[in-house]
Amino acid sequence: MEKSSLDHLMEQNETDLPFLSAYAGTQTTEEILEWVKKASPEGMEVRMNENGVLVSLQAMNLPMVLSDIQGLGFKNPFLSEDRHNMSVIITIVGDEQKRLMSRLNEFLA
């Protein structure tokens, strides 16, 4: 059976895009927990829950806005109005989660 033109075109242009795996949520909760424990700043509360890994932190003037903990890989974001308390569930480890931990580590160093 001969392939259709569309099938042939798609086959010719097929590309491996490994960076998209972060969007597929292929990490287990245990793997996410292990990464968060290594990457989180001292004083951050980290624990597993049914949706992922819950992280929370209390500090004066956290260097963030609510949009920093919203979007892909984050669930149930909370940032107090005075920016002294935050919590969020991490559901995947991607660039946004790495950026968040890096910023918090730098701030609390």
Foldseek 3Di string as FASTA:
>chain_A
DDDDPVVVVCVVPDDDDVLCVQQVLPDDLVRQQVVCVVLAAPQWDWDADPQHIKIKHFDAPQPDDQVLQDDGQWDDWDADPRRGMIMIGGRGDDDSNNVNSVSRNVVVD
